[in-house]
Amino acid sequence: MRNLSSSALNSMMNGTESDAVWLVLLELSHPSLVIPYRLVNNTEKIVSNGEDYIAYPFEIILSADDGTKLPEIQLTIDNVDRSLVETIRTLAEPPKISIKVVLASQPDIVEIEIQHMVLREVTYDQYRITGTLYADDILNARFPEGVISKATGYLGQFR
């Protein structure tokens, strides 16, 4: 996550009302994709930091931060273009997702950024694509990463 640092964002958050518009940028990438999918939850496409983001309806819902599990994000994308669901179906490994929040008046300044999320538990129908975004699960990772056993040549360690 980044600090909320721009003066426009600070004045908007500290004011009682504002005309500022937040835009959520979503990037779906995978090594097998030549060009990542870049979407913006807006009615028209925008350019942010030299990248084109296609207007595409989607919704993100953050999980409750209760300290009992790692954070996750529910992602729902309208299935208006069947190419996105076809792409997701053909991927052998889960795609990586990054989320950026910008102000419409300053699309090149990223106010909030969440990177390296993994899209899992994907379901789809004719209307929408739904999945869960997870961060790397460092709490359940094996440590040490490898497995030590007699078969790997450590006979003195096991008696």
C-alpha atoms as a PDB file:
ATOM      1  CA  MET A   1       0.000   0.000   0.000  1.00  0.00           C
ATOM      2  CA  ARG A   2       1.083   3.542  -0.601  1.00  0.00           C
ATOM      3  CA  ASN A   3       0.602   6.550   1.604  1.00  0.00           C
ATOM      4  CA  LEU A   4      -2.277   8.827   0.764  1.00  0.00           C
ATOM      5  CA  SER A   5      -0.061  11.733  -0.102  1.00  0.00           C
ATOM      6  CA  SER A   6      -1.452  14.037  -2.766  1.00  0.00           C
ATOM      7  CA  SER A   7      -2.805  17.379  -1.640  1.00  0.00           C
ATOM      8  CA  ALA A   8      -5.986  16.882  -3.697  1.00  0.00           C
ATOM      9  CA  LEU A   9      -6.707  13.601  -1.941  1.00  0.00           C
ATOM     10  CA  ASN A  10      -5.911  14.992   1.502  1.00  0.00           C
ATOM     11  CA  SER A  11      -8.244  17.957   1.033  1.00  0.00           C
ATOM     12  CA  MET A  12     -10.956  15.656  -0.301  1.00  0.00           C
ATOM     13  CA  MET A  13     -10.702  13.274   2.648  1.00  0.00           C
ATOM     14  CA  ASN A  14     -10.621  16.066   5.228  1.00  0.00           C
ATOM     15  CA  GLY A  15     -13.443  18.077   3.677  1.00  0.00           C
ATOM     16  CA  THR A  16     -17.147  17.624   4.282  1.00  0.00           C
ATOM     17  CA  GLU A  17     -17.877  17.263   0.571  1.00  0.00           C
ATOM     18  CA  SER A  18     -15.959  17.078  -2.662  1.00  0.00           C
ATOM     19  CA  ASP A  19     -16.483  16.943  -6.401  1.00  0.00           C
ATOM     20  CA  ALA A  20     -13.486  14.633  -6.830  1.00  0.00           C
ATOM     21  CA  VAL A  21     -14.047  11.240  -8.473  1.00  0.00           C
ATOM     22  CA  TRP A  22     -12.104   8.102  -7.542  1.00  0.00           C
ATOM     23  CA  LEU A  23     -11.292   5.618 -10.289  1.00  0.00           C
ATOM     24  CA  VAL A  24     -10.269   2.030  -9.602  1.00  0.00           C
ATOM     25  CA  LEU A  25      -7.786   0.567 -12.077  1.00  0.00           C
ATOM     26  CA  LEU A  26      -7.462  -3.198 -12.350  1.00  0.00           C
ATOM     27  CA  GLU A  27      -4.672  -5.029 -14.158  1.00  0.00           C
ATOM     28  CA  LEU A  28      -4.895  -8.766 -14.846  1.00  0.00           C
ATOM     29  CA  SER A  29      -1.567 -10.241 -15.930  1.00  0.00           C
ATOM     30  CA  HIS A  30      -0.129 -13.675 -16.580  1.00  0.00           C
ATOM     31  CA  PRO A  31       3.118 -14.852 -18.234  1.00  0.00           C
ATOM     32  CA  SER A  32       1.137 -16.379 -21.107  1.00  0.00           C
ATOM     33  CA  LEU A  33      -0.633 -13.084 -21.893  1.00  0.00           C
ATOM     34  CA  VAL A  34       1.124 -10.842 -24.393  1.00  0.00           C
ATOM     35  CA  ILE A  35      -0.684  -7.754 -23.106  1.00  0.00           C
ATOM     36  CA  PRO A  36      -2.323  -7.652 -19.660  1.00  0.00           C
ATOM     37  CA  TYR A  37      -5.988  -6.772 -19.340  1.00  0.00           C
ATOM     38  CA  ARG A  38      -6.245  -3.235 -17.972  1.00  0.00           C
ATOM     39  CA  LEU A  39      -9.709  -2.183 -16.819  1.00  0.00           C
ATOM     40  CA  VAL A  40     -11.133   0.944 -15.202  1.00  0.00           C
ATOM     41  CA  ASN A  41     -14.450   1.062 -13.392  1.00  0.00           C
ATOM     42  CA  ASN A  42     -15.643   4.038 -15.402  1.00  0.00           C
ATOM     43  CA  THR A  43     -17.911   4.868 -18.325  1.00  0.00           C
ATOM     44  CA  GLU A  44     -15.003   5.777 -20.597  1.00  0.00           C
ATOM     45  CA  LYS A  45     -11.424   4.626 -21.024  1.00  0.00           C
ATOM     46  CA  ILE A  46      -8.583   6.535 -19.403  1.00  0.00           C
ATOM     47  CA  VAL A  47      -4.816   6.722 -19.749  1.00  0.00           C
ATOM     48  CA  SER A  48      -2.809   6.430 -16.545  1.00  0.00           C
ATOM     49  CA  ASN A  49       0.991   6.572 -16.623  1.00  0.00           C
ATOM     50  CA  GLY A  50       1.019   5.851 -20.352  1.00  0.00           C
ATOM     51  CA  GLU A  51      -1.199   2.739 -20.102  1.00  0.00           C
ATOM     52  CA  ASP A  52      -4.702   2.513 -21.580  1.00  0.00           C
ATOM     53  CA  TYR A  53      -7.399   1.247 -19.223  1.00  0.00           C
ATOM     54  CA  ILE A  54     -10.612   0.074 -20.897  1.00  0.00           C
ATOM     55  CA  ALA A  55     -13.949   1.134 -19.406  1.00  0.00           C
ATOM     56  CA  TYR A  56     -15.364  -2.054 -17.909  1.00  0.00           C
ATOM     57  CA  PRO A  57     -17.857  -2.507 -15.064  1.00  0.00           C
ATOM     58  CA  PHE A  58     -16.443  -4.314 -12.026  1.00  0.00           C
ATOM     59  CA  GLU A  59     -16.758  -4.216  -8.263  1.00  0.00           C
ATOM     60  CA  ILE A  60     -14.310  -4.961  -5.453  1.00  0.00           C
ATOM     61  CA  ILE A  61     -15.326  -5.731  -1.880  1.00  0.00           C
ATOM     62  CA  LEU A  62     -12.675  -5.730   0.839  1.00  0.00           C
ATOM     63  CA  SER A  63     -12.903  -8.350   3.576  1.00  0.00           C
ATOM     64  CA  ALA A  64     -13.332  -7.420   7.222  1.00  0.00           C
ATOM     65  CA  ASP A  65     -10.031  -6.784   8.979  1.00  0.00           C
ATOM     66  CA  ASP A  66     -10.700  -8.893  12.064  1.00  0.00           C
ATOM     67  CA  GLY A  67      -7.178 -10.296  12.476  1.00  0.00           C
ATOM     68  CA  THR A  68      -8.277 -13.940  12.174  1.00  0.00           C
ATOM     69  CA  LYS A  69      -7.329 -14.482   8.542  1.00  0.00           C
ATOM     70  CA  LEU A  70      -5.297 -12.927   5.780  1.00  0.00           C
ATOM     71  CA  PRO A  71      -7.025 -10.158   3.841  1.00  0.00           C
ATOM     72  CA  GLU A  72      -8.903 -11.058   0.705  1.00  0.00           C
ATOM     73  CA  ILE A  73     -10.840  -9.107  -1.883  1.00  0.00           C
ATOM     74  CA  GLN A  74     -14.003 -10.245  -3.629  1.00  0.00           C
ATOM     75  CA  LEU A  75     -13.881  -9.265  -7.297  1.00  0.00           C
ATOM     76  CA  THR A  76     -16.935  -9.234  -9.547  1.00  0.00           C
ATOM     77  CA  ILE A  77     -16.530  -8.319 -13.209  1.00  0.00           C
ATOM     78  CA  ASP A  78     -19.501  -7.962 -15.552  1.00  0.00           C
ATOM     79  CA  ASN A  79     -19.221 -10.546 -18.305  1.00  0.00           C
ATOM     80  CA  VAL A  80     -19.992  -8.090 -21.109  1.00  0.00           C
ATOM     81  CA  ASP A  81     -17.142  -9.349 -23.290  1.00  0.00           C
ATOM     82  CA  ARG A  82     -16.720 -13.117 -23.447  1.00  0.00           C
ATOM     83  CA  SER A  83     -12.995 -12.820 -24.264  1.00  0.00           C
ATOM     84  CA  LEU A  84     -12.095 -12.176 -20.615  1.00  0.00           C
ATOM     85  CA  VAL A  85     -13.742 -15.350 -19.325  1.00  0.00           C
ATOM     86  CA  GLU A  86     -12.234 -17.344 -22.218  1.00  0.00           C
ATOM     87  CA  THR A  87      -8.791 -16.042 -21.303  1.00  0.00           C
ATOM     88  CA  ILE A  88      -9.207 -16.907 -17.624  1.00  0.00           C
ATOM     89  CA  ARG A  89     -10.425 -20.418 -18.515  1.00  0.00           C
ATOM     90  CA  THR A  90      -7.308 -21.130 -20.606  1.00  0.00           C
ATOM     91  CA  LEU A  91      -4.767 -20.109 -17.942  1.00  0.00           C
ATOM     92  CA  ALA A  92      -2.986 -23.021 -16.262  1.00  0.00           C
ATOM     93  CA  GLU A  93      -2.010 -20.949 -13.206  1.00  0.00           C
ATOM     94  CA  PRO A  94      -3.945 -18.186 -11.455  1.00  0.00           C
ATOM     95  CA  PRO A  95      -3.423 -14.710 -12.903  1.00  0.00           C
ATOM     96  CA  LYS A  96      -1.883 -11.861 -10.903  1.00  0.00           C
ATOM     97  CA  ILE A  97      -4.047  -8.836 -10.188  1.00  0.00           C
ATOM     98  CA  SER A  98      -3.010  -5.339  -9.195  1.00  0.00           C
ATOM     99  CA  ILE A  99      -5.427  -2.636  -8.085  1.00  0.00           C
ATOM    100  CA  LYS A 100      -4.711   1.075  -8.220  1.00  0.00           C
ATOM    101  CA  VAL A 101      -6.876   3.954  -7.085  1.00  0.00           C
ATOM    102  CA  VAL A 102      -6.483   7.326  -8.785  1.00  0.00           C
ATOM    103  CA  LEU A 103      -8.385  10.572  -8.906  1.00  0.00           C
ATOM    104  CA  ALA A 104     -10.068  11.242 -12.266  1.00  0.00           C
ATOM    105  CA  SER A 105      -8.499  14.713 -12.280  1.00  0.00           C
ATOM    106  CA  GLN A 106      -4.988  13.244 -11.744  1.00  0.00           C
ATOM    107  CA  PRO A 107      -4.908   9.764 -13.347  1.00  0.00           C
ATOM    108  CA  ASP A 108      -1.096   9.623 -13.363  1.00  0.00           C
ATOM    109  CA  ILE A 109      -0.839   9.907  -9.571  1.00  0.00           C
ATOM    110  CA  VAL A 110      -1.528   6.551  -7.934  1.00  0.00           C
ATOM    111  CA  GLU A 111      -3.070   7.224  -4.544  1.00  0.00           C
ATOM    112  CA  ILE A 112      -3.491   3.629  -3.349  1.00  0.00           C
ATOM    113  CA  GLU A 113      -1.930   0.507  -4.840  1.00  0.00           C
ATOM    114  CA  ILE A 114      -2.373  -3.165  -4.002  1.00  0.00           C
ATOM    115  CA  GLN A 115      -0.078  -5.457  -5.972  1.00  0.00           C
ATOM    116  CA  HIS A 116       0.673  -9.145  -6.375  1.00  0.00           C
ATOM    117  CA  MET A 117      -2.796 -10.444  -5.579  1.00  0.00           C
ATOM    118  CA  VAL A 118      -3.700 -13.866  -6.983  1.00  0.00           C
ATOM    119  CA  LEU A 119      -7.125 -14.541  -8.500  1.00  0.00           C
ATOM    120  CA  ARG A 120      -8.597 -17.847  -7.260  1.00  0.00           C
ATOM    121  CA  GLU A 121     -11.989 -19.515  -6.824  1.00  0.00           C
ATOM    122  CA  VAL A 122     -13.275 -18.104 -10.107  1.00  0.00           C
ATOM    123  CA  THR A 123     -16.869 -18.753 -11.102  1.00  0.00           C
ATOM    124  CA  TYR A 124     -18.734 -17.274 -14.012  1.00  0.00           C
ATOM    125  CA  ASP A 125     -22.068 -17.242 -15.712  1.00  0.00           C
ATOM    126  CA  GLN A 126     -23.560 -15.299 -18.593  1.00  0.00           C
ATOM    127  CA  TYR A 127     -23.713 -12.106 -16.523  1.00  0.00           C
ATOM    128  CA  ARG A 128     -20.609 -11.902 -14.347  1.00  0.00           C
ATOM    129  CA  ILE A 129     -17.224 -13.327 -13.411  1.00  0.00           C
ATOM    130  CA  THR A 130     -16.592 -13.668  -9.684  1.00  0.00           C
ATOM    131  CA  GLY A 131     -13.389 -14.554  -7.873  1.00  0.00           C
ATOM    132  CA  THR A 132     -11.375 -13.983  -4.735  1.00  0.00           C
ATOM    133  CA  LEU A 133      -8.079 -12.125  -4.661  1.00  0.00           C
ATOM    134  CA  TYR A 134      -5.533 -13.371  -2.147  1.00  0.00           C
ATOM    135  CA  ALA A 135      -2.148 -12.057  -1.077  1.00  0.00           C
ATOM    136  CA  ASP A 136       0.723 -14.504  -0.763  1.00  0.00           C
ATOM    137  CA  ASP A 137      -0.124 -16.728   2.186  1.00  0.00           C
ATOM    138  CA  ILE A 138       3.080 -16.326   4.181  1.00  0.00           C
ATOM    139  CA  LEU A 139       1.467 -17.590   7.379  1.00  0.00           C
ATOM    140  CA  ASN A 140       0.842 -21.056   5.942  1.00  0.00           C
ATOM    141  CA  ALA A 141       4.027 -21.358   3.865  1.00  0.00           C
ATOM    142  CA  ARG A 142       6.315 -24.254   4.684  1.00  0.00           C
ATOM    143  CA  PHE A 143       9.464 -23.414   6.568  1.00  0.00           C
ATOM    144  CA  PRO A 144      11.974 -24.461   5.612  1.00  0.00           C
ATOM    145  CA  GLU A 145      10.680 -24.579   2.075  1.00  0.00           C
ATOM    146  CA  GLY A 146      12.139 -27.993   1.249  1.00  0.00           C
ATOM    147  CA  VAL A 147      11.599 -31.339   2.941  1.00  0.00           C
ATOM    148  CA  ILE A 148      14.406 -32.953   4.906  1.00  0.00           C
ATOM    149  CA  SER A 149      14.316 -36.732   5.056  1.00  0.00           C
ATOM    150  CA  LYS A 150      16.603 -39.741   5.218  1.00  0.00           C
ATOM    151  CA  ALA A 151      16.268 -40.157   1.481  1.00  0.00           C
ATOM    152  CA  THR A 152      17.961 -36.825   0.846  1.00  0.00           C
ATOM    153  CA  GLY A 153      21.193 -37.816   2.567  1.00  0.00           C
ATOM    154  CA  TYR A 154      20.771 -36.572   6.148  1.00  0.00           C
ATOM    155  CA  LEU A 155      21.056 -39.937   7.884  1.00  0.00           C
ATOM    156  CA  GLY A 156      22.779 -38.506  10.970  1.00  0.00           C
ATOM    157  CA  GLN A 157      19.902 -36.148  11.660  1.00  0.00           C
ATOM    158  CA  PHE A 158      17.315 -38.906  12.149  1.00  0.00           C
ATOM    159  CA  ARG A 159      18.099 -41.658  14.723  1.00  0.00           C
END
